[in-house]
Amino acid sequence: MNLSNAELYRLKSDARRGLLENDLILQRFFDRHAADLSVEDGQVLKQLLALDDNDLMDLLLGRKEELAVLREISVSPVYKKLMVQLRAK
């Protein structure tokens, strides 16, 4: 099941960050994948977007593969798929 327009709007609003690098990566991700995001994708993205800017940037740039606060979801196939999509150039 795909995300509703309201849920997608909330995620896009939460994706506006204080670091330009994060903004650019997240905007590119939403431009490419917004129409195909599932509810499960949205739940994982919500947790990613709750991270502080520097931790999120470390994940997006591949400086870190996981964070302690995400250890529970970092083994899920949805998380792994989203990280590949987010890191795609």
Foldseek 3Di string as FASTA:
>chain_A
DADDPVLLVVLLVLQDAPDPVSNVLVVVLCVPPNVPHHVVLSVVSVVLSVDHPVVSVCLLCVVDQDDPVCVVVSPPPSNVVVSCSSNDD
